[in-house]
Protein backbone atom coordinates (compact mmCIF):
# COMPACT_ATOMS: atom_id res chain seq x y z
CA MET A 1 -105.32 234.38 -43.26
CA LEU A 2 -107.61 232.10 -41.27
CA ARG A 3 -107.21 229.41 -43.94
CA LEU A 4 -103.40 229.58 -43.60
CA PHE A 5 -103.68 229.39 -39.82
CA LEU A 6 -105.87 226.27 -40.08
CA THR A 7 -103.65 224.50 -42.63
CA LEU A 8 -100.34 225.29 -40.90
CA PRO A 9 -100.55 222.33 -38.45
CA ILE A 10 -101.24 219.96 -41.35
CA LEU A 11 -98.25 221.27 -43.29
CA LEU A 12 -95.96 220.99 -40.27
CA ALA A 13 -97.09 217.42 -39.58
CA ALA A 14 -96.28 216.47 -43.18
CA CYS A 15 -92.73 217.77 -42.73
CA LEU A 16 -92.06 215.76 -39.57
CA LYS A 17 -90.59 212.49 -40.82
CA ASP A 18 -90.31 209.50 -38.53
CA GLU A 19 -86.57 209.37 -37.80
CA THR A 20 -86.72 206.12 -35.79
CA VAL A 21 -86.23 202.75 -37.48
CA SER A 22 -89.96 202.47 -38.22
CA GLY A 23 -89.56 205.31 -40.72
CA TYR A 24 -87.07 203.23 -42.73
CA VAL A 25 -88.74 199.80 -42.83
CA ASP A 26 -92.02 198.33 -43.99
CA GLN A 27 -94.00 198.71 -40.77
CA SER A 28 -96.00 195.56 -41.56
CA ALA A 29 -92.87 193.42 -42.05
CA VAL A 30 -91.69 190.86 -39.51
CA PHE A 31 -87.95 190.19 -39.53
CA ARG A 32 -86.65 186.85 -38.19
CA LEU A 33 -83.22 186.49 -36.66
CA VAL A 34 -81.06 184.38 -38.96
CA GLU A 35 -77.54 185.03 -37.72
CA VAL A 36 -75.70 186.20 -34.59
CA ASN A 37 -71.99 187.03 -34.81
CA ALA A 38 -71.64 185.22 -38.16
CA SER A 39 -73.25 181.99 -36.83
CA PRO A 40 -76.72 180.74 -37.80
CA TYR A 41 -79.37 181.35 -35.14
CA GLU A 42 -81.19 178.11 -34.41
CA PHE A 43 -84.12 179.42 -32.36
CA LYS A 44 -87.24 181.41 -33.20
CA ALA A 45 -86.77 185.16 -32.73
CA THR A 46 -88.35 188.04 -34.60
CA ILE A 47 -88.46 191.83 -34.56
CA SER A 48 -90.85 194.32 -36.12
CA PHE A 49 -91.28 198.09 -36.07
CA PRO A 50 -95.08 198.58 -36.32
CA LYS A 51 -95.18 202.30 -35.46
CA THR A 52 -92.95 205.19 -34.45
CA GLY A 53 -90.74 204.29 -31.53
CA VAL A 54 -92.19 200.81 -31.00
CA ILE A 55 -90.48 197.43 -31.33
CA ARG A 56 -92.36 194.15 -31.09
CA GLY A 57 -91.39 190.56 -31.65
CA ASP A 58 -91.15 186.99 -30.51
CA GLY A 59 -88.31 185.47 -28.54
CA PRO A 60 -87.74 181.73 -28.39
CA CYS A 61 -90.46 181.49 -25.69
CA ASN A 62 -92.29 184.80 -25.28
CA THR A 63 -93.53 187.85 -27.12
CA TYR A 64 -91.85 191.14 -26.26
CA ALA A 65 -92.11 194.87 -26.80
CA ALA A 66 -89.82 197.83 -26.23
CA GLU A 67 -89.46 201.49 -27.07
CA GLN A 68 -86.90 202.79 -29.56
CA SER A 69 -86.48 206.54 -29.84
CA SER A 70 -82.99 207.06 -31.26
CA PRO A 71 -82.80 208.49 -34.77
CA TYR A 72 -81.68 206.12 -37.52
CA PRO A 73 -78.97 204.69 -37.75
CA TRP A 74 -78.56 204.67 -33.96
CA PHE A 75 -80.36 201.94 -32.06
CA THR A 76 -81.25 202.18 -28.38
CA ILE A 77 -84.06 200.19 -26.83
CA GLY A 78 -85.36 199.64 -23.40
CA PRO A 79 -86.60 198.24 -21.33
CA ILE A 80 -87.79 195.02 -22.96
CA ARG A 81 -91.17 193.90 -21.64
CA ALA A 82 -91.93 190.23 -22.27
CA THR A 83 -94.67 187.77 -21.45
CA ARG A 84 -93.74 185.12 -18.88
CA ARG A 85 -94.32 181.75 -20.51
CA ALA A 86 -91.99 178.93 -19.57
CA CYS A 87 -90.33 176.77 -22.18
CA ALA A 88 -87.16 174.79 -22.72
CA PHE A 89 -85.39 177.76 -24.35
CA LEU A 90 -85.52 180.40 -21.58
CA ALA A 91 -81.71 180.59 -21.40
CA GLN A 92 -81.51 181.26 -25.15
CA GLU A 93 -84.27 183.86 -24.84
CA SER A 94 -82.44 185.67 -22.02
CA GLN A 95 -79.31 185.75 -24.17
CA PHE A 96 -81.33 187.02 -27.16
CA PHE A 97 -82.77 189.88 -25.06
CA ARG A 98 -79.34 190.80 -23.61
CA THR A 99 -77.78 190.79 -27.07
CA LEU A 100 -80.62 192.85 -28.54
CA GLU A 101 -80.32 195.44 -25.75
CA SER A 102 -76.55 195.75 -26.38
CA MET A 103 -76.97 196.79 -30.03
CA THR A 104 -76.20 200.43 -30.82
CA LEU A 105 -76.44 200.76 -34.62
CA ILE A 106 -78.92 199.51 -37.19
CA GLU A 107 -78.68 199.22 -40.95
CA VAL A 108 -81.78 198.65 -43.08
CA LEU A 109 -81.14 197.00 -46.46
CA GLY A 110 -84.61 196.28 -47.87
CA THR A 111 -85.62 192.91 -46.43
CA VAL A 112 -82.49 192.67 -44.27
CA ILE A 113 -81.77 194.44 -40.98
CA ILE A 114 -78.30 194.35 -39.44
CA LEU A 115 -77.84 195.39 -35.81
CA ARG A 116 -74.34 196.04 -34.46
CA ASP A 117 -72.84 196.75 -31.06
CA ASP A 118 -69.74 198.73 -30.08
CA ALA A 119 -67.68 195.53 -29.66
CA GLY A 120 -68.29 194.30 -33.22
CA GLY A 121 -71.19 191.99 -32.41
CA GLU A 122 -73.84 191.62 -35.06
CA MET A 123 -77.42 190.36 -35.41
CA VAL A 124 -78.86 189.79 -38.90
CA PHE A 125 -82.62 189.72 -39.39
CA GLN A 126 -84.39 188.77 -42.64
CA SER A 127 -87.96 189.47 -43.71
CA ASP A 128 -89.89 187.22 -46.06
CA ALA A 129 -91.71 190.24 -47.50
CA PRO A 130 -90.68 191.30 -51.02
């Protein structure tokens, strides 16, 4: 009986699957933004999901992080915390962050991630990982 009592927490932990996006992607993969609303994205922007409920990435100027706790396929983040480096692309970075925060659904297709908002907007990210 004592053995069962000691192994029960281990068994329960094994049953608890990560239901956030990080449970559905390669947690070591970095996805770069390639398209916004069917137009090529010309600036550097990435997103990764390194552990449960955590988003990290690079904007055109700064690195950022945010929490994501909605179960897949829903996508809710906030607030985005970013470093404060200046560069010529701060306006594009602000737009990237606003657009990212407006996304409500996510679809993971291997090395491709598609984020969508309620108005039909879309962000497509691609990973170089196989």
